[in-house]
C-alpha atoms as a PDB file:
ATOM      1  CA  MET A   1     -91.524 -48.613 -37.772  1.00  0.00           C
ATOM      2  CA  SER A   2     -90.315 -50.768 -35.257  1.00  0.00           C
ATOM      3  CA  THR A   3     -91.220 -51.239 -31.750  1.00  0.00           C
ATOM      4  CA  THR A   4     -89.609 -52.572 -28.819  1.00  0.00           C
ATOM      5  CA  THR A   5     -90.623 -54.659 -25.736  1.00  0.00           C
ATOM      6  CA  SER A   6     -89.395 -56.732 -23.019  1.00  0.00           C
ATOM      7  CA  ARG A   7     -90.673 -58.846 -20.298  1.00  0.00           C
ATOM      8  CA  PRO A   8     -91.934 -56.469 -17.443  1.00  0.00           C
ATOM      9  CA  SER A   9     -95.953 -55.863 -17.955  1.00  0.00           C
ATOM     10  CA  PRO A  10     -96.743 -52.538 -20.232  1.00  0.00           C
ATOM     11  CA  THR A  11     -97.821 -51.107 -16.127  1.00  0.00           C
ATOM     12  CA  ILE A  12     -93.662 -49.931 -16.135  1.00  0.00           C
ATOM     13  CA  GLU A  13     -93.241 -46.719 -17.856  1.00  0.00           C
ATOM     14  CA  ASN A  14     -88.858 -45.903 -16.617  1.00  0.00           C
ATOM     15  CA  PRO A  15     -86.704 -47.866 -19.167  1.00  0.00           C
ATOM     16  CA  ALA A  16     -84.625 -48.495 -15.658  1.00  0.00           C
ATOM     17  CA  ASP A  17     -87.429 -49.950 -13.711  1.00  0.00           C
ATOM     18  CA  ALA A  18     -88.054 -52.638 -16.652  1.00  0.00           C
ATOM     19  CA  ALA A  19     -84.564 -53.806 -16.568  1.00  0.00           C
ATOM     20  CA  ALA A  20     -84.855 -53.894 -13.176  1.00  0.00           C
ATOM     21  CA  GLN A  21     -87.883 -56.413 -13.008  1.00  0.00           C
ATOM     22  CA  GLY A  22     -86.458 -58.184 -15.868  1.00  0.00           C
ATOM     23  CA  ALA A  23     -83.453 -59.434 -13.610  1.00  0.00           C
ATOM     24  CA  ARG A  24     -85.729 -59.377 -10.445  1.00  0.00           C
ATOM     25  CA  THR A  25     -87.876 -62.035 -12.540  1.00  0.00           C
ATOM     26  CA  ALA A  26     -84.801 -63.829 -13.392  1.00  0.00           C
ATOM     27  CA  ALA A  27     -83.471 -64.074 -10.003  1.00  0.00           C
ATOM     28  CA  ASN A  28     -86.908 -65.565  -8.967  1.00  0.00           C
ATOM     29  CA  ALA A  29     -86.237 -68.139 -11.598  1.00  0.00           C
ATOM     30  CA  LEU A  30     -82.819 -68.725 -10.352  1.00  0.00           C
ATOM     31  CA  ARG A  31     -83.198 -68.739  -6.591  1.00  0.00           C
ATOM     32  CA  ALA A  32     -86.080 -71.155  -8.053  1.00  0.00           C
ATOM     33  CA  HIS A  33     -83.073 -73.252  -9.625  1.00  0.00           C
ATOM     34  CA  THR A  34     -81.489 -73.552  -6.470  1.00  0.00           C
ATOM     35  CA  GLY A  35     -84.055 -74.471  -4.174  1.00  0.00           C
ATOM     36  CA  GLY A  36     -84.336 -71.111  -3.147  1.00  0.00           C
ATOM     37  CA  GLY A  37     -81.821 -71.003  -0.480  1.00  0.00           C
ATOM     38  CA  SER A  38     -78.749 -68.738  -0.428  1.00  0.00           C
ATOM     39  CA  LEU A  39     -75.066 -69.835  -2.052  1.00  0.00           C
ATOM     40  CA  LYS A  40     -73.545 -68.143   1.317  1.00  0.00           C
ATOM     41  CA  LYS A  41     -73.566 -71.749   3.005  1.00  0.00           C
ATOM     42  CA  PHE A  42     -71.024 -73.192   0.334  1.00  0.00           C
ATOM     43  CA  ALA A  43     -68.556 -70.135   1.872  1.00  0.00           C
ATOM     44  CA  LEU A  44     -69.160 -70.673   5.227  1.00  0.00           C
ATOM     45  CA  LEU A  45     -67.735 -74.387   4.419  1.00  0.00           C
ATOM     46  CA  SER A  46     -64.976 -73.128   2.596  1.00  0.00           C
ATOM     47  CA  ILE A  47     -63.887 -70.745   5.954  1.00  0.00           C
ATOM     48  CA  GLY A  48     -64.827 -73.605   7.517  1.00  0.00           C
ATOM     49  CA  ALA A  49     -61.983 -75.838   5.981  1.00  0.00           C
ATOM     50  CA  ALA A  50     -59.749 -72.849   5.964  1.00  0.00           C
ATOM     51  CA  LEU A  51     -59.834 -72.662   9.706  1.00  0.00           C
ATOM     52  CA  ILE A  52     -59.085 -76.913  10.168  1.00  0.00           C
ATOM     53  CA  THR A  53     -56.551 -77.174   7.526  1.00  0.00           C
ATOM     54  CA  ILE A  54     -54.732 -74.217   8.995  1.00  0.00           C
ATOM     55  CA  LEU A  55     -54.656 -75.654  12.949  1.00  0.00           C
ATOM     56  CA  LEU A  56     -53.401 -79.059  10.912  1.00  0.00           C
ATOM     57  CA  LYS A  57     -50.974 -77.693   8.155  1.00  0.00           C
ATOM     58  CA  SER A  58     -49.357 -74.989  11.026  1.00  0.00           C
ATOM     59  CA  GLY A  59     -48.899 -78.418  13.743  1.00  0.00           C
ATOM     60  CA  ALA A  60     -47.830 -80.610  10.551  1.00  0.00           C
ATOM     61  CA  TYR A  61     -44.604 -77.658   9.855  1.00  0.00           C
ATOM     62  CA  LEU A  62     -43.649 -77.186  13.724  1.00  0.00           C
ATOM     63  CA  LEU A  63     -43.743 -80.900  13.751  1.00  0.00           C
ATOM     64  CA  THR A  64     -41.233 -81.226  10.742  1.00  0.00           C
ATOM     65  CA  GLY A  65     -39.737 -78.073  10.117  1.00  0.00           C
ATOM     66  CA  SER A  66     -40.580 -78.446   6.615  1.00  0.00           C
ATOM     67  CA  VAL A  67     -40.285 -75.558   4.242  1.00  0.00           C
ATOM     68  CA  GLY A  68     -42.538 -77.118   2.456  1.00  0.00           C
ATOM     69  CA  LEU A  69     -45.352 -77.605   4.540  1.00  0.00           C
ATOM     70  CA  LEU A  70     -44.991 -74.022   5.692  1.00  0.00           C
ATOM     71  CA  SER A  71     -45.402 -73.216   2.124  1.00  0.00           C
ATOM     72  CA  ASP A  72     -48.681 -75.538   2.755  1.00  0.00           C
ATOM     73  CA  ALA A  73     -49.959 -73.926   5.830  1.00  0.00           C
ATOM     74  CA  LEU A  74     -49.617 -70.401   4.305  1.00  0.00           C
ATOM     75  CA  GLU A  75     -51.616 -71.086   0.969  1.00  0.00           C
ATOM     76  CA  SER A  76     -54.277 -72.400   4.194  1.00  0.00           C
ATOM     77  CA  LEU A  77     -54.284 -68.610   5.374  1.00  0.00           C
ATOM     78  CA  VAL A  78     -54.745 -67.093   1.660  1.00  0.00           C
ATOM     79  CA  ASN A  79     -57.746 -69.917   1.280  1.00  0.00           C
ATOM     80  CA  LEU A  80     -59.312 -68.137   4.519  1.00  0.00           C
ATOM     81  CA  ALA A  81     -59.100 -65.035   3.365  1.00  0.00           C
ATOM     82  CA  ALA A  82     -60.393 -65.471  -0.194  1.00  0.00           C
ATOM     83  CA  ALA A  83     -63.018 -67.945   1.424  1.00  0.00           C
ATOM     84  CA  THR A  84     -64.098 -64.809   3.708  1.00  0.00           C
ATOM     85  CA  MET A  85     -64.413 -62.365   0.935  1.00  0.00           C
ATOM     86  CA  ALA A  86     -66.218 -64.504  -0.708  1.00  0.00           C
ATOM     87  CA  LEU A  87     -69.033 -65.133   1.734  1.00  0.00           C
ATOM     88  CA  PHE A  88     -68.979 -61.120   1.686  1.00  0.00           C
ATOM     89  CA  LEU A  89     -69.235 -60.627  -2.208  1.00  0.00           C
ATOM     90  CA  ILE A  90     -71.777 -63.806  -2.478  1.00  0.00           C
ATOM     91  CA  GLY A  91     -73.758 -61.799  -0.075  1.00  0.00           C
ATOM     92  CA  VAL A  92     -73.242 -58.427  -2.174  1.00  0.00           C
ATOM     93  CA  ALA A  93     -74.321 -60.717  -5.401  1.00  0.00           C
ATOM     94  CA  GLU A  94     -77.562 -62.008  -4.113  1.00  0.00           C
ATOM     95  CA  ARG A  95     -79.021 -58.089  -3.274  1.00  0.00           C
ATOM     96  CA  PRO A  96     -81.944 -57.901  -5.189  1.00  0.00           C
ATOM     97  CA  PRO A  97     -81.676 -55.534  -8.469  1.00  0.00           C
ATOM     98  CA  ASP A  98     -82.398 -51.242  -6.968  1.00  0.00           C
ATOM     99  CA  GLU A  99     -82.707 -48.262  -8.593  1.00  0.00           C
ATOM    100  CA  GLU A 100     -79.107 -47.684  -9.250  1.00  0.00           C
ATOM    101  CA  HIS A 101     -78.286 -51.478 -10.022  1.00  0.00           C
ATOM    102  CA  THR A 102     -81.101 -52.167 -12.026  1.00  0.00           C
ATOM    103  CA  PHE A 103     -79.047 -54.913 -13.459  1.00  0.00           C
ATOM    104  CA  GLY A 104     -78.438 -56.316 -10.226  1.00  0.00           C
ATOM    105  CA  HIS A 105     -75.029 -57.033  -8.271  1.00  0.00           C
ATOM    106  CA  THR A 106     -73.888 -60.191  -9.883  1.00  0.00           C
ATOM    107  CA  LYS A 107     -70.697 -58.712 -11.292  1.00  0.00           C
ATOM    108  CA  ALA A 108     -69.682 -58.345  -7.472  1.00  0.00           C
ATOM    109  CA  GLU A 109     -68.877 -62.019  -7.742  1.00  0.00           C
ATOM    110  CA  TYR A 110     -65.813 -60.806 -10.218  1.00  0.00           C
ATOM    111  CA  PHE A 111     -63.866 -59.047  -7.946  1.00  0.00           C
ATOM    112  CA  SER A 112     -63.944 -61.509  -5.366  1.00  0.00           C
ATOM    113  CA  SER A 113     -62.591 -64.248  -7.917  1.00  0.00           C
ATOM    114  CA  GLY A 114     -59.866 -61.022  -8.623  1.00  0.00           C
ATOM    115  CA  ILE A 115     -59.165 -60.494  -5.085  1.00  0.00           C
ATOM    116  CA  GLU A 116     -58.099 -64.258  -4.575  1.00  0.00           C
ATOM    117  CA  GLY A 117     -56.064 -64.870  -7.372  1.00  0.00           C
ATOM    118  CA  SER A 118     -54.151 -61.760  -6.102  1.00  0.00           C
ATOM    119  CA  LEU A 119     -53.894 -63.015  -2.830  1.00  0.00           C
ATOM    120  CA  ILE A 120     -52.608 -66.052  -4.049  1.00  0.00           C
ATOM    121  CA  MET A 121     -50.009 -64.425  -6.277  1.00  0.00           C
ATOM    122  CA  VAL A 122     -48.764 -62.915  -2.627  1.00  0.00           C
ATOM    123  CA  ALA A 123     -48.580 -66.017  -0.927  1.00  0.00           C
ATOM    124  CA  ALA A 124     -46.644 -67.314  -3.447  1.00  0.00           C
ATOM    125  CA  VAL A 125     -44.457 -64.511  -3.052  1.00  0.00           C
ATOM    126  CA  GLY A 126     -43.615 -65.705   0.503  1.00  0.00           C
ATOM    127  CA  ILE A 127     -43.496 -69.036  -0.077  1.00  0.00           C
ATOM    128  CA  GLY A 128     -40.620 -68.746  -2.603  1.00  0.00           C
ATOM    129  CA  TRP A 129     -38.891 -66.703  -0.218  1.00  0.00           C
ATOM    130  CA  SER A 130     -39.675 -68.840   2.663  1.00  0.00           C
ATOM    131  CA  ALA A 131     -37.875 -72.054   0.330  1.00  0.00           C
ATOM    132  CA  TRP A 132     -35.290 -69.749  -1.059  1.00  0.00           C
ATOM    133  CA  GLN A 133     -33.657 -68.908   2.585  1.00  0.00           C
ATOM    134  CA  ARG A 134     -33.953 -72.811   3.439  1.00  0.00           C
ATOM    135  CA  LEU A 135     -32.047 -73.709  -0.301  1.00  0.00           C
ATOM    136  CA  LEU A 136     -29.485 -71.804   0.644  1.00  0.00           C
ATOM    137  CA  ASN A 137     -29.618 -73.281   4.139  1.00  0.00           C
ATOM    138  CA  PRO A 138     -31.129 -76.665   4.418  1.00  0.00           C
ATOM    139  CA  GLN A 139     -32.096 -77.547   7.521  1.00  0.00           C
ATOM    140  CA  PRO A 140     -33.120 -81.483   8.676  1.00  0.00           C
ATOM    141  CA  LEU A 141     -36.530 -82.451   9.157  1.00  0.00           C
ATOM    142  CA  GLU A 142     -37.675 -83.965  12.470  1.00  0.00           C
ATOM    143  CA  ASN A 143     -41.418 -85.857  13.394  1.00  0.00           C
ATOM    144  CA  ILE A 144     -41.952 -86.906   9.340  1.00  0.00           C
ATOM    145  CA  GLY A 145     -44.184 -89.790   9.983  1.00  0.00           C
ATOM    146  CA  ILE A 146     -46.824 -88.275  12.392  1.00  0.00           C
ATOM    147  CA  GLY A 147     -45.994 -84.852  10.056  1.00  0.00           C
ATOM    148  CA  LEU A 148     -47.156 -86.363   6.724  1.00  0.00           C
ATOM    149  CA  LEU A 149     -50.212 -87.822   8.177  1.00  0.00           C
ATOM    150  CA  VAL A 150     -51.523 -84.877   9.546  1.00  0.00           C
ATOM    151  CA  ALA A 151     -50.542 -83.303   6.219  1.00  0.00           C
ATOM    152  CA  VAL A 152     -52.638 -85.771   4.456  1.00  0.00           C
ATOM    153  CA  VAL A 153     -55.742 -85.398   6.327  1.00  0.00           C
ATOM    154  CA  ALA A 154     -55.482 -81.520   5.721  1.00  0.00           C
ATOM    155  CA  SER A 155     -55.699 -82.814   2.151  1.00  0.00           C
ATOM    156  CA  ALA A 156     -58.046 -84.605   2.394  1.00  0.00           C
ATOM    157  CA  ILE A 157     -61.088 -82.260   3.946  1.00  0.00           C
ATOM    158  CA  ASN A 158     -59.798 -79.542   1.197  1.00  0.00           C
ATOM    159  CA  LEU A 159     -60.490 -82.101  -1.745  1.00  0.00           C
ATOM    160  CA  GLY A 160     -63.706 -82.950  -0.307  1.00  0.00           C
ATOM    161  CA  VAL A 161     -64.451 -79.343  -0.070  1.00  0.00           C
ATOM    162  CA  ALA A 162     -63.443 -78.217  -3.563  1.00  0.00           C
ATOM    163  CA  LEU A 163     -65.344 -81.055  -5.031  1.00  0.00           C
ATOM    164  CA  THR A 164     -68.423 -79.914  -2.908  1.00  0.00           C
ATOM    165  CA  LEU A 165     -67.696 -76.256  -4.473  1.00  0.00           C
ATOM    166  CA  LEU A 166     -67.384 -77.093  -8.187  1.00  0.00           C
ATOM    167  CA  ARG A 167     -69.983 -78.902  -8.223  1.00  0.00           C
ATOM    168  CA  ALA A 168     -72.414 -76.474  -6.484  1.00  0.00           C
ATOM    169  CA  GLY A 169     -70.028 -73.502  -8.937  1.00  0.00           C
ATOM    170  CA  ARG A 170     -70.784 -74.721 -12.373  1.00  0.00           C
ATOM    171  CA  THR A 171     -74.307 -75.809 -11.214  1.00  0.00           C
ATOM    172  CA  TYR A 172     -74.958 -72.311  -9.962  1.00  0.00           C
ATOM    173  CA  ARG A 173     -72.855 -70.967 -12.179  1.00  0.00           C
ATOM    174  CA  SER A 174     -71.198 -68.777  -9.555  1.00  0.00           C
ATOM    175  CA  ILE A 175     -67.460 -67.889 -10.819  1.00  0.00           C
ATOM    176  CA  THR A 176     -66.393 -67.159  -7.155  1.00  0.00           C
ATOM    177  CA  LEU A 177     -67.387 -70.599  -6.109  1.00  0.00           C
ATOM    178  CA  GLU A 178     -65.709 -72.052  -8.811  1.00  0.00           C
ATOM    179  CA  ALA A 179     -62.637 -70.006  -7.995  1.00  0.00           C
ATOM    180  CA  ASP A 180     -62.735 -70.976  -4.371  1.00  0.00           C
ATOM    181  CA  ALA A 181     -63.249 -75.027  -5.560  1.00  0.00           C
ATOM    182  CA  LYS A 182     -59.605 -74.694  -7.840  1.00  0.00           C
ATOM    183  CA  HIS A 183     -58.097 -72.844  -5.507  1.00  0.00           C
ATOM    184  CA  LEU A 184     -58.622 -75.599  -3.207  1.00  0.00           C
ATOM    185  CA  LEU A 185     -57.943 -78.285  -5.624  1.00  0.00           C
ATOM    186  CA  THR A 186     -54.633 -76.118  -6.560  1.00  0.00           C
ATOM    187  CA  ASP A 187     -53.859 -76.764  -2.900  1.00  0.00           C
ATOM    188  CA  VAL A 188     -54.701 -80.221  -2.975  1.00  0.00           C
ATOM    189  CA  TYR A 189     -52.017 -81.170  -5.976  1.00  0.00           C
ATOM    190  CA  THR A 190     -49.476 -78.605  -4.477  1.00  0.00           C
ATOM    191  CA  SER A 191     -50.001 -80.576  -0.925  1.00  0.00           C
ATOM    192  CA  ALA A 192     -49.491 -83.673  -2.766  1.00  0.00           C
ATOM    193  CA  GLY A 193     -46.359 -82.837  -4.164  1.00  0.00           C
ATOM    194  CA  VAL A 194     -44.979 -81.177  -0.385  1.00  0.00           C
ATOM    195  CA  ILE A 195     -45.870 -84.816   1.148  1.00  0.00           C
ATOM    196  CA  VAL A 196     -43.780 -86.539  -1.541  1.00  0.00           C
ATOM    197  CA  ALA A 197     -40.968 -84.376  -1.284  1.00  0.00           C
ATOM    198  CA  VAL A 198     -40.888 -84.505   2.507  1.00  0.00           C
ATOM    199  CA  GLY A 199     -40.987 -87.987   2.277  1.00  0.00           C
ATOM    200  CA  LEU A 200     -38.530 -88.251  -0.546  1.00  0.00           C
ATOM    201  CA  VAL A 201     -36.137 -86.178   2.074  1.00  0.00           C
ATOM    202  CA  TYR A 202     -36.977 -89.110   4.901  1.00  0.00           C
ATOM    203  CA  VAL A 203     -36.087 -92.025   2.132  1.00  0.00           C
ATOM    204  CA  THR A 204     -33.061 -90.283   1.089  1.00  0.00           C
ATOM    205  CA  GLY A 205     -31.816 -87.399   3.231  1.00  0.00           C
ATOM    206  CA  TRP A 206     -31.635 -84.980   0.337  1.00  0.00           C
ATOM    207  CA  LEU A 207     -32.790 -82.044   2.133  1.00  0.00           C
ATOM    208  CA  VAL A 208     -32.422 -79.541  -0.690  1.00  0.00           C
ATOM    209  CA  LEU A 209     -35.487 -81.513  -2.190  1.00  0.00           C
ATOM    210  CA  ASP A 210     -37.868 -79.768   0.389  1.00  0.00           C
ATOM    211  CA  PRO A 211     -36.691 -75.772  -0.797  1.00  0.00           C
ATOM    212  CA  ILE A 212     -37.053 -77.213  -4.095  1.00  0.00           C
ATOM    213  CA  ILE A 213     -40.961 -78.587  -3.837  1.00  0.00           C
ATOM    214  CA  GLY A 214     -41.620 -74.907  -2.153  1.00  0.00           C
ATOM    215  CA  LEU A 215     -40.454 -73.691  -4.971  1.00  0.00           C
ATOM    216  CA  LEU A 216     -42.113 -75.565  -7.372  1.00  0.00           C
ATOM    217  CA  VAL A 217     -45.330 -75.098  -4.946  1.00  0.00           C
ATOM    218  CA  ALA A 218     -44.679 -71.200  -5.233  1.00  0.00           C
ATOM    219  CA  ILE A 219     -44.905 -71.054  -8.899  1.00  0.00           C
ATOM    220  CA  ASN A 220     -47.436 -73.532  -9.562  1.00  0.00           C
ATOM    221  CA  ILE A 221     -49.656 -70.850  -7.349  1.00  0.00           C
ATOM    222  CA  VAL A 222     -48.563 -68.251  -9.715  1.00  0.00           C
ATOM    223  CA  TRP A 223     -50.215 -69.437 -12.876  1.00  0.00           C
ATOM    224  CA  SER A 224     -53.409 -70.234 -10.503  1.00  0.00           C
ATOM    225  CA  GLY A 225     -53.479 -66.728  -9.392  1.00  0.00           C
ATOM    226  CA  VAL A 226     -53.131 -65.091 -12.680  1.00  0.00           C
ATOM    227  CA  GLN A 227     -55.892 -67.382 -14.247  1.00  0.00           C
ATOM    228  CA  LEU A 228     -58.246 -66.481 -11.686  1.00  0.00           C
ATOM    229  CA  VAL A 229     -57.292 -62.445 -12.016  1.00  0.00           C
ATOM    230  CA  ARG A 230     -57.495 -63.311 -16.379  1.00  0.00           C
ATOM    231  CA  ARG A 231     -61.335 -64.768 -15.534  1.00  0.00           C
ATOM    232  CA  SER A 232     -62.276 -61.914 -13.175  1.00  0.00           C
ATOM    233  CA  ALA A 233     -61.194 -59.162 -16.036  1.00  0.00           C
ATOM    234  CA  SER A 234     -62.871 -61.051 -18.638  1.00  0.00           C
ATOM    235  CA  GLY A 235     -66.394 -61.323 -16.886  1.00  0.00           C
ATOM    236  CA  LEU A 236     -66.032 -57.653 -16.177  1.00  0.00           C
ATOM    237  CA  MET A 237     -65.513 -56.632 -19.770  1.00  0.00           C
ATOM    238  CA  ASP A 238     -69.098 -58.227 -20.665  1.00  0.00           C
ATOM    239  CA  THR A 239     -68.004 -61.616 -22.352  1.00  0.00           C
ATOM    240  CA  ALA A 240     -70.271 -63.258 -24.892  1.00  0.00           C
ATOM    241  CA  LEU A 241     -71.875 -66.620 -23.282  1.00  0.00           C
ATOM    242  CA  SER A 242     -70.184 -69.553 -24.496  1.00  0.00           C
ATOM    243  CA  ALA A 243     -70.876 -71.469 -28.013  1.00  0.00           C
ATOM    244  CA  GLU A 244     -72.956 -74.651 -26.074  1.00  0.00           C
ATOM    245  CA  GLU A 245     -75.180 -71.759 -24.771  1.00  0.00           C
ATOM    246  CA  VAL A 246     -75.876 -69.604 -27.605  1.00  0.00           C
ATOM    247  CA  ALA A 247     -77.059 -73.083 -29.225  1.00  0.00           C
ATOM    248  CA  GLN A 248     -78.894 -73.542 -26.749  1.00  0.00           C
ATOM    249  CA  ILE A 249     -80.785 -70.315 -27.499  1.00  0.00           C
ATOM    250  CA  ASP A 250     -80.543 -70.747 -31.069  1.00  0.00           C
ATOM    251  CA  GLN A 251     -82.743 -73.937 -30.592  1.00  0.00           C
ATOM    252  CA  THR A 252     -85.104 -72.321 -28.186  1.00  0.00           C
ATOM    253  CA  LEU A 253     -85.741 -69.701 -30.980  1.00  0.00           C
ATOM    254  CA  GLN A 254     -86.068 -72.496 -33.948  1.00  0.00           C
ATOM    255  CA  PRO A 255     -90.116 -72.972 -33.022  1.00  0.00           C
ATOM    256  CA  PHE A 256     -90.802 -69.810 -33.652  1.00  0.00           C
ATOM    257  CA  ARG A 257     -88.931 -69.765 -36.854  1.00  0.00           C
ATOM    258  CA  ASP A 258     -91.018 -72.044 -37.804  1.00  0.00           C
ATOM    259  CA  GLN A 259     -94.422 -69.714 -37.080  1.00  0.00           C
ATOM    260  CA  GLY A 260     -92.143 -67.539 -40.299  1.00  0.00           C
ATOM    261  CA  MET A 261     -90.474 -65.358 -37.699  1.00  0.00           C
ATOM    262  CA  GLU A 262     -86.463 -64.228 -38.008  1.00  0.00           C
ATOM    263  CA  PHE A 263     -83.853 -62.922 -35.634  1.00  0.00           C
ATOM    264  CA  HIS A 264     -80.836 -60.888 -36.057  1.00  0.00           C
ATOM    265  CA  ALA A 265     -78.620 -59.180 -33.799  1.00  0.00           C
ATOM    266  CA  LEU A 266     -78.526 -61.750 -30.914  1.00  0.00           C
ATOM    267  CA  ARG A 267     -75.922 -60.676 -27.879  1.00  0.00           C
ATOM    268  CA  THR A 268     -75.032 -61.955 -25.226  1.00  0.00           C
ATOM    269  CA  ARG A 269     -73.294 -61.606 -21.852  1.00  0.00           C
ATOM    270  CA  GLN A 270     -72.973 -63.263 -18.404  1.00  0.00           C
ATOM    271  CA  ALA A 271     -73.116 -61.004 -14.816  1.00  0.00           C
ATOM    272  CA  GLY A 272     -72.276 -63.789 -12.548  1.00  0.00           C
ATOM    273  CA  THR A 273     -75.154 -66.385 -11.949  1.00  0.00           C
ATOM    274  CA  ARG A 274     -77.037 -63.962 -14.191  1.00  0.00           C
ATOM    275  CA  ARG A 275     -77.124 -64.256 -17.916  1.00  0.00           C
ATOM    276  CA  PHE A 276     -78.010 -61.304 -20.327  1.00  0.00           C
ATOM    277  CA  MET A 277     -79.301 -61.381 -24.293  1.00  0.00           C
ATOM    278  CA  SER A 278     -80.911 -58.690 -26.290  1.00  0.00           C
ATOM    279  CA  VAL A 279     -82.399 -60.101 -30.044  1.00  0.00           C
ATOM    280  CA  HIS A 280     -84.011 -58.716 -32.881  1.00  0.00           C
ATOM    281  CA  VAL A 281     -87.521 -60.176 -33.926  1.00  0.00           C
ATOM    282  CA  LEU A 282     -88.454 -59.796 -37.461  1.00  0.00           C
ATOM    283  CA  MET A 283     -92.489 -60.748 -37.751  1.00  0.00           C
ATOM    284  CA  PRO A 284     -95.303 -59.688 -40.040  1.00  0.00           C
ATOM    285  CA  GLY A 285     -95.666 -55.929 -40.416  1.00  0.00           C
ATOM    286  CA  ALA A 286     -99.169 -56.601 -40.249  1.00  0.00           C
ATOM    287  CA  TRP A 287     -99.609 -57.705 -36.936  1.00  0.00           C
ATOM    288  CA  THR A 288    -101.064 -55.382 -33.940  1.00  0.00           C
ATOM    289  CA  ILE A 289     -98.265 -54.124 -31.378  1.00  0.00           C
ATOM    290  CA  GLN A 290    -100.271 -56.442 -28.548  1.00  0.00           C
ATOM    291  CA  HIS A 291    -100.001 -59.403 -31.304  1.00  0.00           C
ATOM    292  CA  GLY A 292     -96.381 -58.478 -31.300  1.00  0.00           C
ATOM    293  CA  HIS A 293     -95.950 -58.020 -27.813  1.00  0.00           C
ATOM    294  CA  GLU A 294     -97.713 -60.833 -26.739  1.00  0.00           C
ATOM    295  CA  VAL A 295     -95.539 -63.014 -29.077  1.00  0.00           C
ATOM    296  CA  ALA A 296     -92.361 -61.472 -27.734  1.00  0.00           C
ATOM    297  CA  ASP A 297     -93.270 -62.251 -24.624  1.00  0.00           C
ATOM    298  CA  SER A 298     -93.945 -66.126 -25.381  1.00  0.00           C
ATOM    299  CA  ILE A 299     -90.494 -65.653 -26.691  1.00  0.00           C
ATOM    300  CA  GLU A 300     -88.738 -64.613 -23.812  1.00  0.00           C
ATOM    301  CA  THR A 301     -90.572 -66.359 -21.146  1.00  0.00           C
ATOM    302  CA  ALA A 302     -89.169 -69.935 -23.550  1.00  0.00           C
ATOM    303  CA  LEU A 303     -85.784 -68.666 -22.765  1.00  0.00           C
ATOM    304  CA  THR A 304     -85.935 -67.506 -19.117  1.00  0.00           C
ATOM    305  CA  GLN A 305     -87.681 -71.048 -18.915  1.00  0.00           C
ATOM    306  CA  ALA A 306     -84.996 -72.556 -20.897  1.00  0.00           C
ATOM    307  CA  MET A 307     -81.721 -71.137 -19.240  1.00  0.00           C
ATOM    308  CA  PRO A 308     -82.683 -70.064 -15.429  1.00  0.00           C
ATOM    309  CA  GLY A 309     -80.945 -66.642 -14.673  1.00  0.00           C
ATOM    310  CA  MET A 310     -81.460 -64.977 -18.480  1.00  0.00           C
ATOM    311  CA  VAL A 311     -82.906 -61.939 -18.994  1.00  0.00           C
ATOM    312  CA  ALA A 312     -83.959 -61.756 -22.309  1.00  0.00           C
ATOM    313  CA  SER A 313     -84.617 -58.911 -24.308  1.00  0.00           C
ATOM    314  CA  THR A 314     -86.019 -58.576 -27.796  1.00  0.00           C
ATOM    315  CA  HIS A 315     -86.496 -55.672 -30.203  1.00  0.00           C
ATOM    316  CA  LEU A 316     -89.446 -55.767 -33.095  1.00  0.00           C
ATOM    317  CA  GLU A 317     -89.034 -55.246 -36.582  1.00  0.00           C
ATOM    318  CA  PRO A 318     -91.303 -55.638 -39.529  1.00  0.00           C
ATOM    319  CA  LEU A 319     -90.162 -58.439 -41.706  1.00  0.00           C
ATOM    320  CA  GLU A 320     -90.534 -57.256 -45.095  1.00  0.00           C
ATOM    321  CA  ASP A 321     -89.192 -53.850 -44.053  1.00  0.00           C
ATOM    322  CA  PRO A 322     -85.806 -53.504 -46.023  1.00  0.00           C
ATOM    323  CA  SER A 323     -84.435 -51.105 -43.409  1.00  0.00           C
ATOM    324  CA  SER A 324     -84.751 -54.163 -41.073  1.00  0.00           C
ATOM    325  CA  MET A 325     -81.877 -55.868 -41.658  1.00  0.00           C
ATOM    326  CA  ALA A 326     -79.718 -52.597 -41.518  1.00  0.00           C
ATOM    327  CA  ASP A 327     -79.509 -52.667 -38.057  1.00  0.00           C
ATOM    328  CA  GLN A 328     -77.781 -54.792 -36.388  1.00  0.00           C
ATOM    329  CA  ALA A 329     -74.642 -53.034 -35.750  1.00  0.00           C
ATOM    330  CA  LEU A 330     -73.791 -52.008 -32.012  1.00  0.00           C
ATOM    331  CA  ASP A 331     -73.490 -48.790 -32.612  1.00  0.00           C
ATOM    332  CA  ARG A 332     -76.044 -47.147 -35.432  1.00  0.00           C
ATOM    333  CA  ASP A 333     -75.867 -44.244 -38.043  1.00  0.00           C
ATOM    334  CA  ALA A 334     -77.371 -41.013 -37.239  1.00  0.00           C
END
């Protein structure tokens, strides 16, 4: 007969309490990994950058009358809305587990990236409409030199913030920060295209280049929005950890294999900044429950230390019993 163990202490009686305790342990490890600080500071940085670039890009549009620069300014409005949403949902994701959310609230981050992707696509529609109207009725541009200079400064601010958010998102496995960073990088790329196009209009006098670039910017923004929504949906569907992370789990378990144990039925998923896994541990049947529990606790501790933010659960089975190999499917036969 197999027995089940998990990281919480034996005094916990309710399985929901055990799950919450495991998530709290992972949260504590993750806070140590992040230096004990909140990720909200990165969202506030993004909000500040959005406010500054809105002013700069709007000024560039008013100076030049370029629909390309107008599209750039409208995308910065989306940046502001997305960063504000990120600030709120990061706060939700950082809440500790409770009785109704025993695995924590970290999946809230996927809503942020999904909403951000949707906002991006809405903005693209407005940009495309403005560009189409200007394509039908080309207008001369004014004060191009100073307008481009202002746009370059705004793009430099976005680039610096985007790289900061991207590093933080990858370090702390925050899809919200990573999505915000990729959105800002898209903004930088499109801004570069707009700046080049407006410069070409100034050099060549081809007014049609301005709305064409605006349309291309809109198409690119739609693609970025689709990618964000797809990734958000993937996270909400409990997609397994990457092959690299599974390999890290396997490497962590290897010393226990060397002691004569075996493992199967490994299942993994990610929920924002936290990772979850369960695995069956095949041990000698002669071991006592106390010894099996101590070894399982060592396995879970090793996994948590190797992979901050991991919540690991183990199920113990006798190595000699053939039926131990028959329960690897997610759904067991009645």
